[in-house]
N, C-alpha and C. Protein backbone atom coordinates (compact mmCIF):
# COMPACT_ATOMS: atom_id res chain seq x y z
N UNK A 1 0.88 -1.19 0.02
CA UNK A 1 0.01 0.01 0.00
C UNK A 1 0.88 1.23 0.00
N UNK A 2 0.59 2.18 -0.82
CA UNK A 2 1.33 3.42 -0.93
C UNK A 2 0.46 4.57 -0.44
N UNK A 3 1.09 5.42 0.35
CA UNK A 3 0.42 6.61 0.84
C UNK A 3 1.03 7.83 0.17
N UNK A 4 0.24 8.65 -0.44
CA UNK A 4 0.66 9.86 -1.12
C UNK A 4 0.19 11.07 -0.34
N UNK A 5 1.13 11.90 0.04
CA UNK A 5 0.81 13.11 0.85
C UNK A 5 0.49 14.26 -0.08
N UNK A 6 -0.78 14.35 -0.52
CA UNK A 6 -1.11 15.39 -1.46
C UNK A 6 -2.18 16.34 -0.87
N UNK A 7 -3.02 15.94 0.01
CA UNK A 7 -4.06 16.78 0.50
C UNK A 7 -3.67 17.69 1.62
N UNK A 8 -4.63 18.50 2.03
CA UNK A 8 -4.40 19.35 3.17
C UNK A 8 -4.23 18.55 4.43
N UNK A 9 -3.54 19.10 5.37
CA UNK A 9 -3.23 18.35 6.60
C UNK A 9 -3.63 19.15 7.84
N UNK A 10 -4.33 18.58 8.73
CA UNK A 10 -4.56 19.13 10.09
C UNK A 10 -4.37 17.94 11.02
N UNK A 11 -3.37 18.05 11.89
CA UNK A 11 -3.07 16.89 12.72
C UNK A 11 -2.72 17.32 14.15
N UNK A 12 -3.22 16.60 15.15
CA UNK A 12 -2.80 16.93 16.51
C UNK A 12 -1.41 16.31 16.84
N UNK A 13 -0.64 17.09 17.57
CA UNK A 13 0.72 16.68 17.94
C UNK A 13 0.87 16.95 19.40
N UNK A 14 1.80 16.25 20.04
CA UNK A 14 2.14 16.53 21.44
C UNK A 14 3.23 17.61 21.44
N UNK A 15 3.07 18.60 22.33
CA UNK A 15 3.99 19.73 22.38
C UNK A 15 5.35 19.37 22.89
N UNK A 16 6.14 18.66 22.09
CA UNK A 16 7.52 18.30 22.49
C UNK A 16 8.41 18.58 21.30
N UNK A 17 9.70 18.43 21.56
CA UNK A 17 10.68 18.75 20.46
C UNK A 17 10.54 17.80 19.29
N UNK A 18 10.03 16.59 19.52
CA UNK A 18 9.87 15.64 18.35
C UNK A 18 8.76 16.09 17.46
N UNK A 19 7.84 16.92 17.90
CA UNK A 19 6.73 17.39 17.07
C UNK A 19 7.32 18.21 15.86
N UNK A 20 8.43 18.91 16.07
CA UNK A 20 9.02 19.75 15.06
C UNK A 20 9.46 18.91 13.87
N UNK A 21 10.19 17.82 14.16
CA UNK A 21 10.67 16.94 13.11
C UNK A 21 9.52 16.29 12.34
N UNK A 22 8.52 15.84 13.09
CA UNK A 22 7.38 15.21 12.45
C UNK A 22 6.62 16.18 11.54
N UNK A 23 6.39 17.43 12.04
CA UNK A 23 5.73 18.43 11.23
C UNK A 23 6.51 18.73 10.00
N UNK A 24 7.84 18.86 10.08
CA UNK A 24 8.66 19.16 8.95
C UNK A 24 8.63 18.00 7.92
N UNK A 25 8.62 16.78 8.39
CA UNK A 25 8.59 15.60 7.50
C UNK A 25 7.25 15.64 6.74
N UNK A 26 6.14 15.80 7.45
CA UNK A 26 4.84 15.82 6.77
C UNK A 26 4.70 16.98 5.83
N UNK A 27 5.16 18.15 6.22
CA UNK A 27 5.15 19.32 5.34
C UNK A 27 6.01 19.12 4.11
N UNK A 28 7.19 18.59 4.31
CA UNK A 28 8.12 18.36 3.23
C UNK A 28 7.58 17.42 2.20
N UNK A 29 6.88 16.38 2.64
CA UNK A 29 6.27 15.42 1.70
C UNK A 29 5.19 16.08 0.81
N UNK A 30 4.46 16.93 1.44
CA UNK A 30 3.38 17.66 0.67
C UNK A 30 4.02 18.63 -0.31
N UNK A 31 4.98 19.39 0.13
CA UNK A 31 5.65 20.30 -0.78
C UNK A 31 6.25 19.61 -1.99
N UNK A 32 6.89 18.43 -1.78
CA UNK A 32 7.44 17.67 -2.86
C UNK A 32 6.35 17.24 -3.83
N UNK A 33 5.29 16.73 -3.29
CA UNK A 33 4.16 16.21 -4.14
C UNK A 33 3.46 17.37 -4.87
N UNK A 34 3.46 18.51 -4.23
CA UNK A 34 2.78 19.71 -4.88
C UNK A 34 3.76 20.39 -5.85
N UNK A 35 5.03 19.93 -5.93
CA UNK A 35 5.96 20.54 -6.86
C UNK A 35 6.42 21.88 -6.36
N UNK A 36 6.46 22.15 -5.12
CA UNK A 36 6.81 23.45 -4.58
C UNK A 36 8.24 23.44 -4.01
N UNK A 37 9.17 22.90 -4.75
CA UNK A 37 10.56 22.69 -4.31
C UNK A 37 11.17 24.09 -4.00
N UNK A 38 10.86 25.07 -4.80
CA UNK A 38 11.49 26.38 -4.74
C UNK A 38 11.17 27.15 -3.45
N UNK A 39 10.07 26.74 -2.71
CA UNK A 39 9.80 27.46 -1.47
C UNK A 39 9.95 26.54 -0.26
N UNK A 40 10.44 25.30 -0.46
CA UNK A 40 10.49 24.38 0.61
C UNK A 40 11.39 24.79 1.78
N UNK A 41 12.54 25.41 1.50
CA UNK A 41 13.43 25.81 2.56
C UNK A 41 12.78 26.84 3.48
N UNK A 42 12.12 27.88 2.84
CA UNK A 42 11.45 28.89 3.66
C UNK A 42 10.27 28.32 4.39
N UNK A 43 9.47 27.52 3.73
CA UNK A 43 8.26 26.93 4.32
C UNK A 43 8.62 26.02 5.51
N UNK A 44 9.65 25.21 5.33
CA UNK A 44 10.06 24.22 6.43
C UNK A 44 10.67 25.02 7.61
N UNK A 45 11.37 26.11 7.35
CA UNK A 45 11.88 26.91 8.45
C UNK A 45 10.69 27.54 9.23
N UNK A 46 9.70 28.01 8.52
CA UNK A 46 8.53 28.56 9.21
C UNK A 46 7.82 27.52 9.99
N UNK A 47 7.67 26.30 9.42
CA UNK A 47 7.05 25.18 10.17
C UNK A 47 7.83 24.98 11.47
N UNK A 48 9.15 24.90 11.39
CA UNK A 48 9.98 24.68 12.57
C UNK A 48 9.75 25.73 13.61
N UNK A 49 9.74 27.00 13.19
CA UNK A 49 9.59 28.09 14.17
C UNK A 49 8.22 28.11 14.85
N UNK A 50 7.14 27.93 14.07
CA UNK A 50 5.79 27.95 14.69
C UNK A 50 5.56 26.75 15.56
N UNK A 51 6.00 25.55 15.13
CA UNK A 51 5.79 24.36 15.97
C UNK A 51 6.60 24.45 17.23
N UNK A 52 7.83 24.91 17.09
CA UNK A 52 8.68 25.11 18.30
C UNK A 52 8.09 26.06 19.30
N UNK A 53 7.57 27.18 18.83
CA UNK A 53 6.95 28.17 19.73
C UNK A 53 5.71 27.61 20.42
N UNK A 54 4.93 26.84 19.74
CA UNK A 54 3.74 26.24 20.35
C UNK A 54 4.10 25.20 21.39
N UNK A 55 5.11 24.40 21.05
CA UNK A 55 5.56 23.33 21.96
C UNK A 55 6.21 23.96 23.22
N UNK A 56 6.89 25.07 23.11
CA UNK A 56 7.46 25.80 24.25
C UNK A 56 6.39 26.44 25.09
N UNK A 57 5.37 26.97 24.41
CA UNK A 57 4.31 27.67 25.12
C UNK A 57 3.40 26.69 25.90
N UNK A 58 3.20 25.52 25.34
CA UNK A 58 2.34 24.55 26.01
C UNK A 58 3.01 23.18 26.00
N UNK A 59 4.07 23.03 26.81
CA UNK A 59 4.84 21.78 26.76
C UNK A 59 4.03 20.57 27.19
N UNK A 60 4.17 19.52 26.44
CA UNK A 60 3.50 18.21 26.69
C UNK A 60 1.97 18.28 26.66
N UNK A 61 1.45 19.32 25.98
CA UNK A 61 0.03 19.43 25.79
C UNK A 61 -0.23 19.28 24.25
N UNK A 62 -1.49 19.13 23.87
CA UNK A 62 -1.85 19.04 22.53
C UNK A 62 -1.63 20.35 21.76
N UNK A 63 -0.98 20.29 20.63
CA UNK A 63 -0.92 21.40 19.63
C UNK A 63 -1.48 20.81 18.37
N UNK A 64 -1.88 21.69 17.43
CA UNK A 64 -2.39 21.23 16.17
C UNK A 64 -1.63 21.91 15.03
N UNK A 65 -1.25 21.11 14.08
CA UNK A 65 -0.48 21.56 12.96
C UNK A 65 -1.36 21.50 11.71
N UNK A 66 -1.42 22.65 10.98
CA UNK A 66 -2.15 22.70 9.74
C UNK A 66 -1.21 23.05 8.61
N UNK A 67 -1.32 22.37 7.49
CA UNK A 67 -0.51 22.62 6.34
C UNK A 67 -1.37 22.44 5.13
N UNK A 68 -1.67 23.51 4.42
CA UNK A 68 -2.59 23.43 3.33
C UNK A 68 -2.22 24.42 2.21
N UNK A 69 -2.88 24.30 1.11
CA UNK A 69 -2.62 25.25 0.02
C UNK A 69 -3.92 25.76 -0.62
N UNK A 70 -3.82 26.89 -1.19
CA UNK A 70 -4.93 27.46 -2.01
C UNK A 70 -4.34 28.17 -3.17
N UNK A 71 -5.17 28.93 -3.87
CA UNK A 71 -4.65 29.59 -5.13
C UNK A 71 -3.58 30.64 -4.80
N UNK A 72 -3.54 31.11 -3.56
CA UNK A 72 -2.56 32.15 -3.19
C UNK A 72 -1.31 31.59 -2.57
N UNK A 73 -1.17 30.32 -2.32
CA UNK A 73 0.06 29.76 -1.76
C UNK A 73 -0.18 28.70 -0.71
N UNK A 74 0.79 28.58 0.14
CA UNK A 74 0.84 27.56 1.19
C UNK A 74 0.49 28.28 2.48
N UNK A 75 -0.42 27.64 3.28
CA UNK A 75 -0.84 28.15 4.58
C UNK A 75 -0.30 27.19 5.65
N UNK A 76 0.48 27.80 6.60
CA UNK A 76 1.02 27.02 7.71
C UNK A 76 0.36 27.55 8.98
N UNK A 77 -0.22 26.72 9.79
CA UNK A 77 -0.82 27.15 10.97
C UNK A 77 -0.56 26.25 12.13
N UNK A 78 -0.36 26.78 13.32
CA UNK A 78 -0.18 25.96 14.50
C UNK A 78 -1.06 26.53 15.61
N UNK A 79 -1.86 25.65 16.20
CA UNK A 79 -2.74 26.02 17.32
C UNK A 79 -2.13 25.51 18.64
N UNK A 80 -2.26 26.34 19.67
CA UNK A 80 -1.95 25.89 21.01
C UNK A 80 -3.00 26.45 21.94
N UNK A 81 -3.08 25.91 23.12
CA UNK A 81 -4.16 26.27 24.08
C UNK A 81 -3.87 27.52 24.86
N UNK A 82 -2.68 28.04 24.79
CA UNK A 82 -2.32 29.22 25.56
C UNK A 82 -3.08 30.47 25.05
N UNK A 83 -3.58 31.28 25.93
CA UNK A 83 -4.23 32.53 25.50
C UNK A 83 -3.21 33.63 25.16
N UNK A 84 -1.95 33.40 25.54
CA UNK A 84 -0.90 34.43 25.28
C UNK A 84 -0.65 34.59 23.83
N UNK A 85 -0.66 35.85 23.40
CA UNK A 85 -0.38 36.17 21.97
C UNK A 85 1.14 36.41 21.88
N UNK A 86 1.83 35.75 20.95
CA UNK A 86 3.26 35.98 20.84
C UNK A 86 3.57 37.39 20.39
N UNK A 87 4.67 37.90 20.90
CA UNK A 87 5.13 39.25 20.55
C UNK A 87 6.50 39.16 19.96
N UNK A 88 6.66 39.95 18.92
CA UNK A 88 7.98 40.05 18.29
C UNK A 88 8.82 40.97 19.09
N UNK A 89 10.04 40.57 19.44
CA UNK A 89 10.90 41.47 20.22
C UNK A 89 11.36 42.67 19.42
N UNK A 90 11.65 43.72 20.14
CA UNK A 90 12.13 44.94 19.47
C UNK A 90 13.48 44.66 18.84
N UNK A 91 13.68 45.16 17.66
CA UNK A 91 14.95 44.93 16.98
C UNK A 91 16.12 45.64 17.65
N UNK A 92 17.27 45.09 17.55
CA UNK A 92 18.49 45.71 18.05
C UNK A 92 19.21 46.23 16.84
N UNK A 93 19.35 47.55 16.75
CA UNK A 93 19.90 48.13 15.54
C UNK A 93 21.41 48.12 15.56
N UNK A 94 22.01 48.29 16.77
CA UNK A 94 23.42 48.30 16.86
C UNK A 94 23.80 47.77 18.22
N UNK A 95 24.57 46.67 18.21
CA UNK A 95 25.06 46.08 19.38
C UNK A 95 26.49 46.55 19.67
N UNK A 96 26.65 47.05 20.88
CA UNK A 96 27.98 47.56 21.27
C UNK A 96 28.65 46.63 22.27
N UNK A 97 29.94 46.85 22.50
CA UNK A 97 30.67 46.02 23.50
C UNK A 97 30.09 46.23 24.90
N UNK A 98 29.60 47.48 25.17
CA UNK A 98 28.97 47.71 26.46
C UNK A 98 27.71 46.88 26.64
N UNK A 99 26.96 46.70 25.56
CA UNK A 99 25.78 45.81 25.65
C UNK A 99 26.21 44.42 26.02
N UNK A 100 27.24 43.92 25.44
CA UNK A 100 27.72 42.56 25.72
C UNK A 100 28.23 42.50 27.15
N UNK A 101 28.91 43.51 27.62
CA UNK A 101 29.45 43.49 28.99
C UNK A 101 28.37 43.57 30.02
N UNK A 102 27.26 44.23 29.68
CA UNK A 102 26.19 44.39 30.68
C UNK A 102 25.24 43.18 30.75
N UNK A 103 25.32 42.29 29.72
CA UNK A 103 24.43 41.16 29.81
C UNK A 103 24.97 40.09 30.77
N UNK A 104 24.07 39.39 31.36
CA UNK A 104 24.49 38.39 32.35
C UNK A 104 25.15 37.22 31.63
N UNK A 105 26.00 36.52 32.35
CA UNK A 105 26.70 35.38 31.78
C UNK A 105 25.70 34.29 31.40
N UNK A 106 24.62 34.13 32.17
CA UNK A 106 23.63 33.13 31.91
C UNK A 106 22.89 33.43 30.58
N UNK A 107 22.72 34.68 30.29
CA UNK A 107 21.95 35.10 29.09
C UNK A 107 22.80 35.29 27.87
N UNK A 108 24.12 35.12 28.04
CA UNK A 108 25.06 35.43 26.94
C UNK A 108 24.74 34.60 25.71
N UNK A 109 24.48 33.29 25.87
CA UNK A 109 24.20 32.42 24.77
C UNK A 109 22.72 32.30 24.41
N UNK A 110 21.91 33.09 24.99
CA UNK A 110 20.47 33.01 24.75
C UNK A 110 20.17 33.48 23.31
N UNK A 111 19.74 32.52 22.49
CA UNK A 111 19.48 32.85 21.11
C UNK A 111 18.01 32.83 20.77
N UNK A 112 17.14 32.73 21.77
CA UNK A 112 15.73 32.65 21.53
C UNK A 112 15.10 33.99 21.25
N UNK A 113 13.83 34.00 20.83
CA UNK A 113 13.12 35.24 20.61
C UNK A 113 13.19 35.79 19.21
N UNK A 114 13.81 35.08 18.30
CA UNK A 114 13.93 35.60 16.93
C UNK A 114 13.01 34.89 15.94
N UNK A 115 12.32 33.87 16.38
CA UNK A 115 11.51 33.05 15.47
C UNK A 115 10.43 33.79 14.72
N UNK A 116 9.69 34.66 15.41
CA UNK A 116 8.64 35.38 14.72
C UNK A 116 9.18 36.41 13.74
N UNK A 117 10.32 36.94 14.08
CA UNK A 117 10.97 37.90 13.12
C UNK A 117 11.39 37.15 11.86
N UNK A 118 11.88 35.93 12.00
CA UNK A 118 12.22 35.12 10.86
C UNK A 118 10.97 34.80 10.04
N UNK A 119 9.93 34.41 10.71
CA UNK A 119 8.64 34.06 10.05
C UNK A 119 8.13 35.27 9.29
N UNK A 120 8.17 36.47 9.90
CA UNK A 120 7.70 37.69 9.21
C UNK A 120 8.53 38.01 7.98
N UNK A 121 9.82 37.76 8.05
CA UNK A 121 10.70 38.00 6.94
C UNK A 121 10.41 37.08 5.76
N UNK A 122 10.22 35.79 6.10
CA UNK A 122 10.07 34.81 5.00
C UNK A 122 8.66 34.72 4.45
N UNK A 123 7.66 35.04 5.25
CA UNK A 123 6.29 34.84 4.82
C UNK A 123 5.74 36.01 4.04
N UNK A 124 4.74 35.69 3.19
CA UNK A 124 4.04 36.81 2.52
C UNK A 124 3.07 37.48 3.46
N UNK A 125 2.66 36.76 4.45
CA UNK A 125 1.80 37.31 5.51
C UNK A 125 1.77 36.36 6.70
N UNK A 126 1.52 36.90 7.88
CA UNK A 126 1.42 36.03 9.06
C UNK A 126 0.60 36.80 10.13
N UNK A 127 0.14 36.02 11.09
CA UNK A 127 -0.67 36.67 12.16
C UNK A 127 -1.09 35.64 13.19
N UNK A 128 -1.95 36.13 14.08
CA UNK A 128 -2.50 35.34 15.13
C UNK A 128 -4.00 35.45 15.08
N UNK A 129 -4.71 34.34 15.16
CA UNK A 129 -6.15 34.34 15.18
C UNK A 129 -6.63 33.62 16.48
N UNK A 130 -7.33 34.34 17.33
CA UNK A 130 -7.86 33.73 18.55
C UNK A 130 -8.88 32.67 18.15
N UNK A 131 -8.87 31.53 18.84
CA UNK A 131 -9.87 30.48 18.57
C UNK A 131 -11.03 30.69 19.59
N UNK A 132 -12.26 30.74 19.12
CA UNK A 132 -13.38 30.98 20.01
C UNK A 132 -13.54 29.89 21.04
N UNK A 133 -12.96 28.70 20.81
CA UNK A 133 -13.01 27.63 21.74
C UNK A 133 -11.84 27.59 22.70
N UNK A 134 -10.96 28.56 22.58
CA UNK A 134 -9.80 28.64 23.45
C UNK A 134 -8.53 28.51 22.65
N UNK A 135 -7.49 29.14 23.16
CA UNK A 135 -6.19 29.12 22.47
C UNK A 135 -6.14 30.05 21.25
N UNK A 136 -5.18 29.79 20.40
CA UNK A 136 -4.99 30.66 19.21
C UNK A 136 -4.32 29.88 18.12
N UNK A 137 -4.52 30.32 16.92
CA UNK A 137 -3.77 29.86 15.73
C UNK A 137 -2.72 30.90 15.38
N UNK A 138 -1.49 30.51 15.25
CA UNK A 138 -0.42 31.35 14.73
C UNK A 138 -0.19 30.84 13.30
N UNK A 139 -0.26 31.69 12.33
CA UNK A 139 -0.25 31.23 10.92
C UNK A 139 0.66 32.07 10.08
N UNK A 140 1.01 31.49 8.98
CA UNK A 140 1.86 32.21 7.96
C UNK A 140 1.46 31.71 6.61
N UNK A 141 1.62 32.59 5.60
CA UNK A 141 1.36 32.22 4.21
C UNK A 141 2.65 32.38 3.45
N UNK A 142 3.00 31.37 2.64
CA UNK A 142 4.14 31.43 1.74
C UNK A 142 3.65 31.40 0.31
N UNK A 143 4.03 32.36 -0.44
CA UNK A 143 3.64 32.38 -1.89
C UNK A 143 4.62 31.60 -2.79
N UNK A 144 4.08 30.90 -3.77
CA UNK A 144 4.98 30.20 -4.66
C UNK A 144 5.84 31.11 -5.53
């Protein structure tokens, strides 16, 4: 029996780090079957960022991953049960040595908080939609 990943996908996942790899695998199969090779790097990076954020926001709880397409492109959505709306951090325009000296040693290697900025840069559009049943969908659209 052969399974072809061609249709739209909405699947529940457990909010763990393994959800990211599974979501990327499922999305990659659809992109290949849809012939969208030219946007797969951007789309899979967006999948990684959105699923990672949901898993961090609601660890070991259900999250939902949506991957679909329409005439305008690919839609990537991730639902989690948290009411908190993600916020993009303020950009740092110029980092000085004084900034590095004043940061704590524990925070020196902190590389988090850039995911939504990456998504906004790569996507044709993105946003957050509150779910009337609780939680929210964080979504992005990638144009072919």
